Amino acid sequence: MKSVIQRYNISKEENNQLLNSESEAKLWQREASVLKQQLETLQETHRHVMGKELSNMGVEDLNNLENQLEMSLQSIRLKKEELLMGEIQDLTRKGSLMHQQNIELYKKIYGTRVNAENCVIEENDDRGGLMNLQLSQL
C-alpha cells in the first residue's frame, strides 16, 4: 500500500511540474508577444520622430507629432542655456581670479601701490614721476 501511495504522489508531482512547465511556457509566449508589439510601436514612433513614413498619418496626428517635437526642442534649448550660463559664470569667476592674481604678481614684481577698487596700479618710474597703469577687468 505504501508503494502505491508513493507512486501516486510521485505521479502527482510530475503532473504538476508538467502543468507548471506548460503554463510557464504560455506565460513567456504571451510576454514575448507583448514585448514584440511594444517594440514595433516604438520603432514606428521613432520613424515618425525622424520624419519618415509620415504619409499614413492624418493632420491631427501630424499636429500632435509637431507639438511633441516643439516641446522636446524647448526642453533641449533650456538645458543647453542652463549649461552655457553655468560655463559663463565659471569663466567669469576664473577671469576675476586671474585678474586678482595679475594684480598681486605686479605688486610683487614692481613693488607698487595698487588701488584694487579702480584696478589702477601706480608706480614711480625711473625719472621720479608717477606712472598709472589701468588693468582691464572682465
Protein backbone atom coordinates (compact mmCIF):
# COMPACT_ATOMS: atom_id res chain seq x y z
CA MET A 1 0.00 0.00 0.00
CA LYS A 2 2.84 2.40 0.82
CA SER A 3 4.44 1.89 -2.57
CA VAL A 4 1.11 2.64 -4.31
CA ILE A 5 0.77 5.89 -2.34
CA GLN A 6 4.37 6.83 -3.11
CA ARG A 7 3.87 6.15 -6.83
CA TYR A 8 0.66 8.22 -6.71
CA ASN A 9 2.44 11.15 -5.03
CA ILE A 10 5.36 10.96 -7.47
CA SER A 11 2.97 10.83 -10.41
CA LYS A 12 1.01 13.77 -8.99
CA GLU A 13 4.20 15.86 -8.56
CA GLU A 14 5.36 15.04 -12.09
CA ASN A 15 1.94 16.00 -13.47
CA ASN A 16 2.02 19.32 -11.54
CA GLN A 17 5.50 20.04 -12.84
CA LEU A 18 4.38 19.28 -16.37
CA LEU A 19 1.38 21.59 -15.97
CA ASN A 20 3.59 24.27 -14.42
CA SER A 21 6.04 23.97 -17.31
CA GLU A 22 3.24 24.30 -19.85
CA SER A 23 1.66 27.27 -18.09
CA GLU A 24 5.07 28.90 -17.69
CA ALA A 25 5.76 28.42 -21.40
CA LYS A 26 2.41 30.03 -22.25
CA LEU A 27 3.17 32.91 -19.92
CA TRP A 28 6.53 33.52 -21.62
CA GLN A 29 4.89 33.32 -25.05
CA ARG A 30 2.37 35.98 -24.05
CA GLU A 31 5.14 38.12 -22.57
CA ALA A 32 7.19 37.79 -25.78
CA SER A 33 4.13 38.76 -27.82
CA VAL A 34 3.51 41.88 -25.72
CA LEU A 35 7.18 42.90 -25.90
CA LYS A 36 7.22 42.37 -29.66
CA GLN A 37 4.18 44.65 -30.04
CA GLN A 38 5.79 47.30 -27.84
CA LEU A 39 8.98 47.13 -29.92
CA GLU A 40 7.04 47.59 -33.14
CA THR A 41 5.19 50.58 -31.67
CA LEU A 42 8.45 52.16 -30.51
CA GLN A 43 10.06 51.62 -33.90
CA GLU A 44 7.08 53.22 -35.64
CA THR A 45 7.19 56.19 -33.25
CA HIS A 46 10.93 56.53 -33.84
CA ARG A 47 10.43 56.58 -37.60
CA HIS A 48 7.76 59.29 -37.22
CA VAL A 49 10.00 61.40 -34.98
CA MET A 50 12.76 61.06 -37.56
CA GLY A 51 10.35 62.33 -40.24
CA LYS A 52 9.95 59.03 -42.05
CA GLU A 53 6.78 57.17 -43.01
CA LEU A 54 4.54 60.19 -42.44
CA SER A 55 2.29 59.53 -45.42
CA ASN A 56 -0.15 57.36 -43.45
CA MET A 57 -0.59 59.98 -40.71
CA GLY A 58 -3.55 62.34 -40.58
CA VAL A 59 -3.50 66.08 -39.95
CA GLU A 60 -4.27 65.63 -36.25
CA ASP A 61 -1.51 63.05 -35.84
CA LEU A 62 0.94 65.33 -37.61
CA ASN A 63 -0.05 68.26 -35.39
CA ASN A 64 0.46 66.10 -32.29
CA LEU A 65 3.86 65.00 -33.55
CA GLU A 66 4.82 68.60 -34.31
CA ASN A 67 3.77 69.74 -30.82
CA GLN A 68 5.72 66.90 -29.24
CA LEU A 69 8.85 67.82 -31.22
CA GLU A 70 8.48 71.52 -30.34
CA MET A 71 8.20 70.71 -26.64
CA SER A 72 11.26 68.47 -26.90
CA LEU A 73 13.25 71.22 -28.63
CA GLN A 74 12.22 73.73 -25.99
CA SER A 75 13.40 71.39 -23.26
CA ILE A 76 16.69 70.82 -25.07
CA ARG A 77 17.23 74.56 -25.55
CA LEU A 78 16.53 75.28 -21.87
CA LYS A 79 19.05 72.64 -20.79
CA LYS A 80 21.62 73.99 -23.24
CA GLU A 81 21.08 77.55 -22.00
CA GLU A 82 21.43 76.38 -18.39
CA LEU A 83 24.74 74.66 -19.18
CA LEU A 84 26.07 77.67 -21.11
CA MET A 85 25.12 80.07 -18.29
CA GLY A 86 26.97 77.84 -15.84
CA GLU A 87 30.04 77.86 -18.08
CA ILE A 88 29.86 81.66 -18.45
CA GLN A 89 29.66 82.10 -14.67
CA ASP A 90 32.58 79.73 -14.18
CA LEU A 91 34.70 81.53 -16.78
CA THR A 92 33.79 84.92 -15.29
CA ARG A 93 34.85 83.69 -11.87
CA LYS A 94 38.11 82.32 -13.27
CA GLY A 95 38.74 85.59 -15.14
CA SER A 96 38.25 87.62 -11.95
CA LEU A 97 40.59 85.30 -10.08
CA MET A 98 43.23 85.62 -12.78
CA HIS A 99 42.82 89.41 -12.75
CA GLN A 100 43.39 89.46 -8.99
CA GLN A 101 46.43 87.20 -9.36
CA ASN A 102 47.83 89.52 -12.03
CA ILE A 103 47.50 92.49 -9.68
CA GLU A 104 49.24 90.58 -6.89
CA LEU A 105 52.06 89.48 -9.21
CA TYR A 106 52.52 93.01 -10.48
CA LYS A 107 52.73 94.24 -6.88
CA LYS A 108 55.36 91.61 -6.07
CA ILE A 109 57.45 92.36 -9.14
CA TYR A 110 57.36 96.16 -9.17
CA GLY A 111 56.59 96.98 -5.53
CA THR A 112 53.76 99.29 -6.48
CA ARG A 113 50.70 100.66 -4.82
CA VAL A 114 47.60 99.07 -6.23
CA ASN A 115 44.13 100.52 -5.98
CA ALA A 116 42.10 97.31 -6.32
CA GLU A 117 38.77 99.10 -6.50
CA ASN A 118 39.67 101.01 -9.66
CA CYS A 119 42.23 98.45 -10.82
CA VAL A 120 44.81 101.21 -11.19
CA ILE A 121 48.43 100.47 -10.49
CA GLU A 122 50.58 103.44 -9.58
CA GLU A 123 54.33 103.20 -9.85
CA ASN A 124 57.27 105.56 -9.67
CA ASP A 125 59.17 105.47 -12.94
CA ASP A 126 62.93 105.82 -13.30
CA ARG A 127 62.64 109.58 -13.74
CA GLY A 128 60.93 110.02 -10.37
CA GLY A 129 57.47 110.54 -11.84
CA LEU A 130 54.30 108.67 -11.04
CA MET A 131 53.05 106.28 -13.71
CA ASN A 132 49.49 104.90 -13.77
CA LEU A 133 48.63 101.58 -15.35
CA GLN A 134 44.96 100.76 -15.90
CA LEU A 135 44.29 96.99 -15.83
CA SER A 136 41.27 95.73 -17.67
CA GLN A 137 38.70 93.86 -15.70
CA LEU A 138 36.34 91.27 -17.20
